[in-house]
Amino acid sequence: MAEHLEIANGTKAERYALLTRQIEAVVAGENDLIARMANVASMIHHTFGFWWTGFYRVEGNELILGPFQGPLACTRIAFGRGVCGTAWREKRTIVVPDVEQFEGHIACSSASRSEIVVPIWRDREIIAVLDIDSCDLATFDAVDQEWLERIAEILSH
């Protein structure tokens, strides 16, 4: 319980640092990627209280909904479509301060105002993306990107 309070009270970077250590401990020894994703989505979501936190898995030419926390989500996203498909196509993290300004944004929920999508790599291929939405504008910044990319790296092993 003390760790949870510490996560709730620290700076964003401190919260991510502790969360990352907890994620490393939780996923250690678990080889099933979906099980790992399920716990990681829950841990991120409950630590920061984002609107939607989850994963889309690469299957052929599309992203298929994976484990998530939050309201109903789009189940399939084509390569290059929306923020998730664009991050996959461009092979990079995308931070969107205002989803209304992102051409081709897929509105799975009208409550989503800002978003970050982080690719998850394995053997030089993107196997999934971590997608996080917020109800507030400009929620995500370089701190989120740095730590979420570290978390994605943990998941890739």
N, C-alpha and C. Protein backbone atom coordinates (compact mmCIF):
# COMPACT_ATOMS: atom_id res chain seq x y z
N MET A 1 0.82 -1.19 0.00
CA MET A 1 0.00 0.00 0.00
C MET A 1 0.86 1.25 0.00
N ALA A 2 1.99 1.23 0.68
CA ALA A 2 2.87 2.40 0.71
C ALA A 2 3.35 2.75 -0.69
N GLU A 3 3.63 1.73 -1.53
CA GLU A 3 4.06 2.01 -2.89
C GLU A 3 2.96 2.70 -3.67
N HIS A 4 1.70 2.28 -3.47
CA HIS A 4 0.60 2.92 -4.18
C HIS A 4 0.50 4.40 -3.79
N LEU A 5 0.63 4.70 -2.50
CA LEU A 5 0.58 6.09 -2.06
C LEU A 5 1.74 6.88 -2.64
N GLU A 6 2.90 6.25 -2.69
CA GLU A 6 4.07 6.91 -3.27
C GLU A 6 3.82 7.22 -4.74
N ILE A 7 3.20 6.30 -5.46
CA ILE A 7 2.89 6.55 -6.86
C ILE A 7 1.92 7.71 -6.98
N ALA A 8 0.93 7.77 -6.13
CA ALA A 8 -0.08 8.82 -6.21
C ALA A 8 0.47 10.20 -5.87
N ASN A 9 1.53 10.27 -5.05
CA ASN A 9 1.98 11.56 -4.55
C ASN A 9 3.23 12.12 -5.21
N GLY A 10 3.97 11.36 -5.99
CA GLY A 10 5.22 11.85 -6.57
C GLY A 10 5.00 12.68 -7.83
N THR A 11 6.10 13.18 -8.38
CA THR A 11 6.04 13.85 -9.68
C THR A 11 5.68 12.80 -10.73
N LYS A 12 5.34 13.24 -11.90
CA LYS A 12 5.00 12.30 -12.96
C LYS A 12 6.17 11.34 -13.22
N ALA A 13 7.39 11.86 -13.33
CA ALA A 13 8.55 11.01 -13.58
C ALA A 13 8.78 10.02 -12.43
N GLU A 14 8.61 10.47 -11.19
CA GLU A 14 8.76 9.58 -10.04
C GLU A 14 7.69 8.48 -10.06
N ARG A 15 6.48 8.86 -10.43
CA ARG A 15 5.40 7.87 -10.51
C ARG A 15 5.70 6.83 -11.58
N TYR A 16 6.19 7.30 -12.74
CA TYR A 16 6.56 6.37 -13.80
C TYR A 16 7.73 5.47 -13.39
N ALA A 17 8.71 6.04 -12.70
CA ALA A 17 9.87 5.25 -12.28
C ALA A 17 9.44 4.09 -11.37
N LEU A 18 8.60 4.38 -10.40
CA LEU A 18 8.12 3.33 -9.50
C LEU A 18 7.22 2.35 -10.25
N LEU A 19 6.34 2.87 -11.08
CA LEU A 19 5.46 2.01 -11.86
C LEU A 19 6.27 1.07 -12.75
N THR A 20 7.32 1.58 -13.36
CA THR A 20 8.15 0.76 -14.24
C THR A 20 8.80 -0.38 -13.46
N ARG A 21 9.28 -0.10 -12.28
CA ARG A 21 9.86 -1.16 -11.44
C ARG A 21 8.79 -2.20 -11.09
N GLN A 22 7.60 -1.75 -10.78
CA GLN A 22 6.51 -2.68 -10.45
C GLN A 22 6.15 -3.52 -11.66
N ILE A 23 6.11 -2.91 -12.84
CA ILE A 23 5.80 -3.65 -14.06
C ILE A 23 6.86 -4.71 -14.32
N GLU A 24 8.13 -4.35 -14.15
CA GLU A 24 9.20 -5.34 -14.34
C GLU A 24 8.98 -6.54 -13.42
N ALA A 25 8.59 -6.30 -12.19
CA ALA A 25 8.37 -7.39 -11.23
C ALA A 25 7.15 -8.23 -11.62
N VAL A 26 6.09 -7.58 -12.06
CA VAL A 26 4.85 -8.30 -12.39
C VAL A 26 5.01 -9.16 -13.64
N VAL A 27 5.72 -8.67 -14.65
CA VAL A 27 5.83 -9.43 -15.90
C VAL A 27 6.99 -10.42 -15.89
N ALA A 28 7.88 -10.32 -14.91
CA ALA A 28 9.02 -11.25 -14.85
C ALA A 28 8.51 -12.69 -14.79
N GLY A 29 9.02 -13.51 -15.66
CA GLY A 29 8.64 -14.92 -15.65
C GLY A 29 7.36 -15.24 -16.39
N GLU A 30 6.62 -14.23 -16.82
CA GLU A 30 5.39 -14.48 -17.59
C GLU A 30 5.70 -14.33 -19.07
N ASN A 31 5.54 -15.40 -19.83
CA ASN A 31 5.88 -15.37 -21.25
C ASN A 31 4.73 -15.01 -22.15
N ASP A 32 3.51 -15.11 -21.66
CA ASP A 32 2.35 -14.83 -22.51
C ASP A 32 2.17 -13.32 -22.66
N LEU A 33 2.28 -12.84 -23.89
CA LEU A 33 2.22 -11.40 -24.15
C LEU A 33 0.86 -10.80 -23.76
N ILE A 34 -0.21 -11.50 -24.03
CA ILE A 34 -1.54 -10.96 -23.70
C ILE A 34 -1.71 -10.84 -22.19
N ALA A 35 -1.24 -11.80 -21.44
CA ALA A 35 -1.30 -11.70 -19.98
C ALA A 35 -0.47 -10.52 -19.49
N ARG A 36 0.70 -10.34 -20.08
CA ARG A 36 1.56 -9.20 -19.71
C ARG A 36 0.86 -7.88 -20.03
N MET A 37 0.28 -7.80 -21.22
CA MET A 37 -0.42 -6.58 -21.64
C MET A 37 -1.59 -6.27 -20.71
N ALA A 38 -2.32 -7.29 -20.31
CA ALA A 38 -3.49 -7.09 -19.45
C ALA A 38 -3.09 -6.44 -18.13
N ASN A 39 -2.05 -6.97 -17.49
CA ASN A 39 -1.61 -6.38 -16.23
C ASN A 39 -1.01 -5.00 -16.41
N VAL A 40 -0.24 -4.81 -17.48
CA VAL A 40 0.38 -3.50 -17.71
C VAL A 40 -0.70 -2.45 -17.99
N ALA A 41 -1.70 -2.77 -18.79
CA ALA A 41 -2.78 -1.82 -19.06
C ALA A 41 -3.45 -1.41 -17.75
N SER A 42 -3.73 -2.37 -16.91
CA SER A 42 -4.36 -2.08 -15.63
C SER A 42 -3.47 -1.20 -14.75
N MET A 43 -2.20 -1.53 -14.70
CA MET A 43 -1.28 -0.79 -13.82
C MET A 43 -1.13 0.66 -14.26
N ILE A 44 -0.97 0.88 -15.56
CA ILE A 44 -0.85 2.26 -16.07
C ILE A 44 -2.15 3.00 -15.82
N HIS A 45 -3.25 2.37 -16.17
CA HIS A 45 -4.57 3.01 -16.07
C HIS A 45 -4.88 3.44 -14.64
N HIS A 46 -4.63 2.57 -13.70
CA HIS A 46 -4.98 2.88 -12.31
C HIS A 46 -3.97 3.81 -11.65
N THR A 47 -2.74 3.83 -12.15
CA THR A 47 -1.76 4.75 -11.59
C THR A 47 -2.07 6.19 -12.00
N PHE A 48 -2.45 6.38 -13.27
CA PHE A 48 -2.62 7.75 -13.78
C PHE A 48 -4.07 8.16 -14.01
N GLY A 49 -5.00 7.22 -14.01
CA GLY A 49 -6.41 7.57 -14.18
C GLY A 49 -6.75 8.08 -15.57
N PHE A 50 -6.07 7.54 -16.59
CA PHE A 50 -6.36 7.95 -17.96
C PHE A 50 -7.75 7.49 -18.38
N TRP A 51 -8.31 8.07 -19.44
CA TRP A 51 -9.64 7.71 -19.94
C TRP A 51 -9.63 6.29 -20.50
N TRP A 52 -8.59 5.97 -21.30
CA TRP A 52 -8.52 4.66 -21.92
C TRP A 52 -7.05 4.26 -22.03
N THR A 53 -6.74 3.04 -21.65
CA THR A 53 -5.37 2.53 -21.69
C THR A 53 -5.41 1.11 -22.21
N GLY A 54 -4.73 0.87 -23.32
CA GLY A 54 -4.77 -0.48 -23.84
C GLY A 54 -3.83 -0.74 -24.98
N PHE A 55 -4.00 -1.90 -25.55
CA PHE A 55 -3.11 -2.37 -26.60
C PHE A 55 -3.91 -2.79 -27.82
N TYR A 56 -3.27 -2.59 -28.97
CA TYR A 56 -3.74 -3.15 -30.23
C TYR A 56 -2.61 -4.03 -30.76
N ARG A 57 -2.95 -5.26 -31.13
CA ARG A 57 -1.97 -6.23 -31.61
C ARG A 57 -1.95 -6.26 -33.13
N VAL A 58 -0.77 -6.36 -33.72
CA VAL A 58 -0.64 -6.45 -35.16
C VAL A 58 -1.05 -7.85 -35.61
N GLU A 59 -2.00 -7.89 -36.53
CA GLU A 59 -2.45 -9.13 -37.16
C GLU A 59 -2.63 -8.82 -38.64
N GLY A 60 -1.69 -9.25 -39.46
CA GLY A 60 -1.78 -8.98 -40.90
C GLY A 60 -1.68 -7.49 -41.17
N ASN A 61 -2.71 -6.94 -41.86
CA ASN A 61 -2.74 -5.52 -42.24
C ASN A 61 -3.48 -4.65 -41.26
N GLU A 62 -3.79 -5.17 -40.10
CA GLU A 62 -4.57 -4.36 -39.17
C GLU A 62 -4.14 -4.58 -37.73
N LEU A 63 -4.59 -3.65 -36.92
CA LEU A 63 -4.41 -3.74 -35.47
C LEU A 63 -5.69 -4.28 -34.89
N ILE A 64 -5.58 -5.28 -34.02
CA ILE A 64 -6.75 -5.89 -33.38
C ILE A 64 -6.71 -5.55 -31.90
N LEU A 65 -7.85 -5.15 -31.38
CA LEU A 65 -7.96 -4.79 -29.98
C LEU A 65 -7.42 -5.88 -29.08
N GLY A 66 -6.59 -5.47 -28.13
CA GLY A 66 -6.04 -6.37 -27.12
C GLY A 66 -6.53 -5.96 -25.75
N PRO A 67 -5.84 -6.37 -24.71
CA PRO A 67 -6.24 -6.01 -23.35
C PRO A 67 -6.30 -4.50 -23.16
N PHE A 68 -7.32 -4.05 -22.43
CA PHE A 68 -7.46 -2.62 -22.18
C PHE A 68 -8.24 -2.35 -20.91
N GLN A 69 -8.16 -1.10 -20.47
CA GLN A 69 -8.96 -0.60 -19.36
C GLN A 69 -9.67 0.66 -19.85
N GLY A 70 -10.94 0.77 -19.58
CA GLY A 70 -11.69 1.95 -20.00
C GLY A 70 -12.94 1.54 -20.75
N PRO A 71 -13.60 2.53 -21.39
CA PRO A 71 -14.84 2.26 -22.09
C PRO A 71 -14.63 1.47 -23.39
N LEU A 72 -15.73 1.08 -24.00
CA LEU A 72 -15.76 0.37 -25.26
C LEU A 72 -14.76 0.97 -26.25
N ALA A 73 -14.12 0.12 -27.05
CA ALA A 73 -13.08 0.59 -27.97
C ALA A 73 -13.32 0.06 -29.38
N CYS A 74 -12.67 0.69 -30.34
CA CYS A 74 -12.66 0.17 -31.71
C CYS A 74 -11.97 -1.19 -31.68
N THR A 75 -12.46 -2.13 -32.47
CA THR A 75 -11.89 -3.47 -32.41
C THR A 75 -10.82 -3.70 -33.48
N ARG A 76 -10.89 -2.99 -34.59
CA ARG A 76 -9.91 -3.18 -35.67
C ARG A 76 -9.54 -1.83 -36.26
N ILE A 77 -8.24 -1.65 -36.50
CA ILE A 77 -7.74 -0.41 -37.09
C ILE A 77 -6.80 -0.78 -38.22
N ALA A 78 -7.05 -0.25 -39.40
CA ALA A 78 -6.23 -0.55 -40.57
C ALA A 78 -4.85 0.10 -40.47
N PHE A 79 -3.88 -0.52 -41.11
CA PHE A 79 -2.52 0.02 -41.19
C PHE A 79 -2.59 1.45 -41.72
N GLY A 80 -1.96 2.37 -40.98
CA GLY A 80 -1.91 3.76 -41.42
C GLY A 80 -3.11 4.61 -41.06
N ARG A 81 -4.14 4.04 -40.46
CA ARG A 81 -5.34 4.80 -40.12
C ARG A 81 -5.30 5.25 -38.67
N GLY A 82 -5.81 6.43 -38.40
CA GLY A 82 -5.87 6.96 -37.05
C GLY A 82 -4.48 7.12 -36.45
N VAL A 83 -4.44 7.44 -35.17
CA VAL A 83 -3.17 7.64 -34.49
C VAL A 83 -2.43 6.31 -34.35
N CYS A 84 -3.16 5.26 -33.99
CA CYS A 84 -2.53 3.94 -33.81
C CYS A 84 -1.93 3.42 -35.10
N GLY A 85 -2.71 3.44 -36.17
CA GLY A 85 -2.23 2.95 -37.46
C GLY A 85 -1.10 3.80 -38.01
N THR A 86 -1.13 5.09 -37.72
CA THR A 86 -0.06 5.99 -38.17
C THR A 86 1.23 5.71 -37.41
N ALA A 87 1.14 5.51 -36.10
CA ALA A 87 2.33 5.17 -35.31
C ALA A 87 2.95 3.87 -35.82
N TRP A 88 2.11 2.91 -36.17
CA TRP A 88 2.59 1.65 -36.73
C TRP A 88 3.28 1.88 -38.07
N ARG A 89 2.63 2.63 -38.96
CA ARG A 89 3.19 2.89 -40.29
C ARG A 89 4.50 3.67 -40.20
N GLU A 90 4.53 4.70 -39.33
CA GLU A 90 5.71 5.55 -39.23
C GLU A 90 6.77 4.98 -38.28
N LYS A 91 6.44 3.88 -37.60
CA LYS A 91 7.37 3.19 -36.70
C LYS A 91 7.93 4.12 -35.63
N ARG A 92 7.02 4.88 -35.01
CA ARG A 92 7.46 5.81 -33.97
C ARG A 92 6.31 6.13 -33.04
N THR A 93 6.69 6.65 -31.86
CA THR A 93 5.69 7.13 -30.90
C THR A 93 5.08 8.41 -31.43
N ILE A 94 3.78 8.53 -31.26
CA ILE A 94 3.08 9.75 -31.66
C ILE A 94 2.35 10.30 -30.45
N VAL A 95 2.59 11.58 -30.16
CA VAL A 95 1.91 12.31 -29.09
C VAL A 95 0.98 13.31 -29.76
N VAL A 96 -0.30 13.25 -29.42
CA VAL A 96 -1.30 14.14 -30.02
C VAL A 96 -1.94 14.99 -28.93
N PRO A 97 -1.58 16.27 -28.85
CA PRO A 97 -2.13 17.14 -27.81
C PRO A 97 -3.64 17.39 -27.94
N ASP A 98 -4.13 17.39 -29.20
CA ASP A 98 -5.56 17.63 -29.47
C ASP A 98 -5.97 16.73 -30.62
N VAL A 99 -6.73 15.67 -30.32
CA VAL A 99 -7.09 14.70 -31.35
C VAL A 99 -7.92 15.33 -32.47
N GLU A 100 -8.61 16.43 -32.18
CA GLU A 100 -9.39 17.11 -33.23
C GLU A 100 -8.47 17.67 -34.32
N GLN A 101 -7.21 17.90 -33.99
CA GLN A 101 -6.26 18.46 -34.94
C GLN A 101 -5.46 17.38 -35.69
N PHE A 102 -5.70 16.12 -35.38
CA PHE A 102 -4.98 15.02 -36.03
C PHE A 102 -5.82 14.53 -37.20
N GLU A 103 -5.33 14.78 -38.41
CA GLU A 103 -6.07 14.37 -39.60
C GLU A 103 -6.23 12.86 -39.63
N GLY A 104 -7.46 12.40 -39.77
CA GLY A 104 -7.75 10.98 -39.83
C GLY A 104 -7.94 10.33 -38.47
N HIS A 105 -8.02 11.13 -37.40
CA HIS A 105 -8.25 10.56 -36.07
C HIS A 105 -9.52 9.73 -36.08
N ILE A 106 -9.45 8.56 -35.48
CA ILE A 106 -10.62 7.68 -35.36
C ILE A 106 -11.22 7.92 -33.99
N ALA A 107 -12.44 8.41 -33.96
CA ALA A 107 -13.09 8.76 -32.70
C ALA A 107 -13.84 7.55 -32.15
N CYS A 108 -13.12 6.68 -31.45
CA CYS A 108 -13.78 5.56 -30.78
C CYS A 108 -14.64 6.08 -29.64
N SER A 109 -14.23 7.22 -29.05
CA SER A 109 -14.99 7.87 -27.99
C SER A 109 -14.87 9.38 -28.15
N SER A 110 -15.99 10.06 -28.11
CA SER A 110 -15.97 11.53 -28.23
C SER A 110 -15.36 12.19 -27.00
N ALA A 111 -15.18 11.44 -25.92
CA ALA A 111 -14.59 12.00 -24.70
C ALA A 111 -13.07 12.13 -24.79
N SER A 112 -12.47 11.41 -25.74
CA SER A 112 -11.01 11.46 -25.88
C SER A 112 -10.60 12.80 -26.46
N ARG A 113 -9.63 13.46 -25.79
CA ARG A 113 -9.17 14.78 -26.25
C ARG A 113 -7.70 14.78 -26.64
N SER A 114 -6.88 13.94 -25.99
CA SER A 114 -5.46 13.84 -26.35
C SER A 114 -5.06 12.37 -26.27
N GLU A 115 -3.93 12.05 -26.93
CA GLU A 115 -3.59 10.63 -27.08
C GLU A 115 -2.08 10.46 -27.25
N ILE A 116 -1.59 9.31 -26.82
CA ILE A 116 -0.22 8.89 -27.09
C ILE A 116 -0.25 7.44 -27.53
N VAL A 117 0.52 7.13 -28.57
CA VAL A 117 0.61 5.76 -29.06
C VAL A 117 2.08 5.39 -29.18
N VAL A 118 2.44 4.26 -28.55
CA VAL A 118 3.83 3.81 -28.48
C VAL A 118 3.93 2.42 -29.12
N PRO A 119 4.75 2.28 -30.15
CA PRO A 119 4.94 0.95 -30.74
C PRO A 119 5.67 0.00 -29.79
N ILE A 120 5.33 -1.27 -29.91
CA ILE A 120 6.02 -2.32 -29.16
C ILE A 120 6.72 -3.20 -30.19
N TRP A 121 8.03 -3.30 -30.04
CA TRP A 121 8.88 -3.99 -31.00
C TRP A 121 9.29 -5.36 -30.49
N ARG A 122 9.45 -6.29 -31.44
CA ARG A 122 10.07 -7.58 -31.15
C ARG A 122 10.74 -8.03 -32.45
N ASP A 123 12.01 -8.36 -32.36
CA ASP A 123 12.77 -8.80 -33.53
C ASP A 123 12.65 -7.82 -34.71
N ARG A 124 12.80 -6.55 -34.40
CA ARG A 124 12.79 -5.47 -35.41
C ARG A 124 11.46 -5.28 -36.11
N GLU A 125 10.41 -5.82 -35.56
CA GLU A 125 9.06 -5.66 -36.12
C GLU A 125 8.14 -5.12 -35.03
N ILE A 126 7.20 -4.29 -35.43
CA ILE A 126 6.19 -3.83 -34.48
C ILE A 126 5.16 -4.95 -34.34
N ILE A 127 4.94 -5.37 -33.10
CA ILE A 127 4.00 -6.45 -32.84
C ILE A 127 2.70 -5.95 -32.22
N ALA A 128 2.73 -4.70 -31.72
CA ALA A 128 1.56 -4.12 -31.07
C ALA A 128 1.83 -2.64 -30.85
N VAL A 129 0.79 -1.94 -30.41
CA VAL A 129 0.96 -0.56 -29.95
C VAL A 129 0.26 -0.40 -28.61
N LEU A 130 0.84 0.43 -27.78
CA LEU A 130 0.22 0.86 -26.53
C LEU A 130 -0.48 2.17 -26.84
N ASP A 131 -1.76 2.24 -26.58
CA ASP A 131 -2.57 3.42 -26.89
C ASP A 131 -3.18 3.94 -25.59
N ILE A 132 -2.98 5.23 -25.33
CA ILE A 132 -3.55 5.83 -24.13
C ILE A 132 -4.25 7.12 -24.52
N ASP A 133 -5.49 7.27 -24.06
CA ASP A 133 -6.29 8.46 -24.33
C ASP A 133 -6.61 9.17 -23.02
N SER A 134 -6.74 10.50 -23.13
CA SER A 134 -7.12 11.32 -21.99
C SER A 134 -8.32 12.17 -22.37
N CYS A 135 -9.13 12.50 -21.38
CA CYS A 135 -10.26 13.40 -21.59
C CYS A 135 -9.82 14.86 -21.61
N ASP A 136 -8.57 15.12 -21.27
CA ASP A 136 -8.04 16.48 -21.23
C ASP A 136 -7.12 16.73 -22.41
N LEU A 137 -7.07 17.97 -22.85
CA LEU A 137 -6.13 18.35 -23.90
C LEU A 137 -4.70 18.32 -23.37
N ALA A 138 -3.76 18.04 -24.25
CA ALA A 138 -2.32 18.14 -23.98
C ALA A 138 -1.89 17.41 -22.70
N THR A 139 -2.42 16.23 -22.48
CA THR A 139 -2.07 15.46 -21.29
C THR A 139 -0.65 14.89 -21.39
N PHE A 140 -0.25 14.49 -22.58
CA PHE A 140 0.99 13.73 -22.75
C PHE A 140 2.13 14.60 -23.24
N ASP A 141 3.32 14.30 -22.71
CA ASP A 141 4.50 15.10 -23.05
C ASP A 141 5.72 14.18 -23.16
N ALA A 142 6.90 14.78 -23.18
CA ALA A 142 8.15 14.02 -23.32
C ALA A 142 8.37 13.06 -22.16
N VAL A 143 7.90 13.40 -20.98
CA VAL A 143 8.04 12.51 -19.82
C VAL A 143 7.23 11.23 -20.06
N ASP A 144 5.98 11.39 -20.48
CA ASP A 144 5.16 10.22 -20.78
C ASP A 144 5.81 9.39 -21.87
N GLN A 145 6.27 10.05 -22.93
CA GLN A 145 6.88 9.32 -24.04
C GLN A 145 8.08 8.52 -23.58
N GLU A 146 8.97 9.14 -22.83
CA GLU A 146 10.18 8.45 -22.36
C GLU A 146 9.83 7.21 -21.55
N TRP A 147 8.95 7.36 -20.57
CA TRP A 147 8.64 6.24 -19.67
C TRP A 147 7.77 5.18 -20.34
N LEU A 148 6.83 5.59 -21.18
CA LEU A 148 6.01 4.60 -21.86
C LEU A 148 6.83 3.81 -22.88
N GLU A 149 7.83 4.44 -23.48
CA GLU A 149 8.73 3.69 -24.36
C GLU A 149 9.55 2.69 -23.56
N ARG A 150 9.92 3.03 -22.35
CA ARG A 150 10.63 2.07 -21.49
C ARG A 150 9.72 0.89 -21.14
N ILE A 151 8.46 1.19 -20.84
CA ILE A 151 7.50 0.14 -20.52
C ILE A 151 7.28 -0.76 -21.75
N ALA A 152 7.19 -0.16 -22.94
CA ALA A 152 7.05 -0.94 -24.17
C ALA A 152 8.25 -1.85 -24.37
N GLU A 153 9.43 -1.36 -24.03
CA GLU A 153 10.66 -2.18 -24.14
C GLU A 153 10.58 -3.38 -23.20
N ILE A 154 10.09 -3.16 -22.00
CA ILE A 154 9.93 -4.27 -21.04
C ILE A 154 9.00 -5.33 -21.62
N LEU A 155 7.90 -4.88 -22.23
CA LEU A 155 6.92 -5.82 -22.80
C LEU A 155 7.47 -6.59 -23.99
N SER A 156 8.43 -6.02 -24.68
CA SER A 156 8.93 -6.65 -25.92
C SER A 156 9.79 -7.88 -25.66
N HIS A 157 10.19 -8.10 -24.43
CA HIS A 157 11.08 -9.23 -24.13
C HIS A 157 10.31 -10.42 -23.61
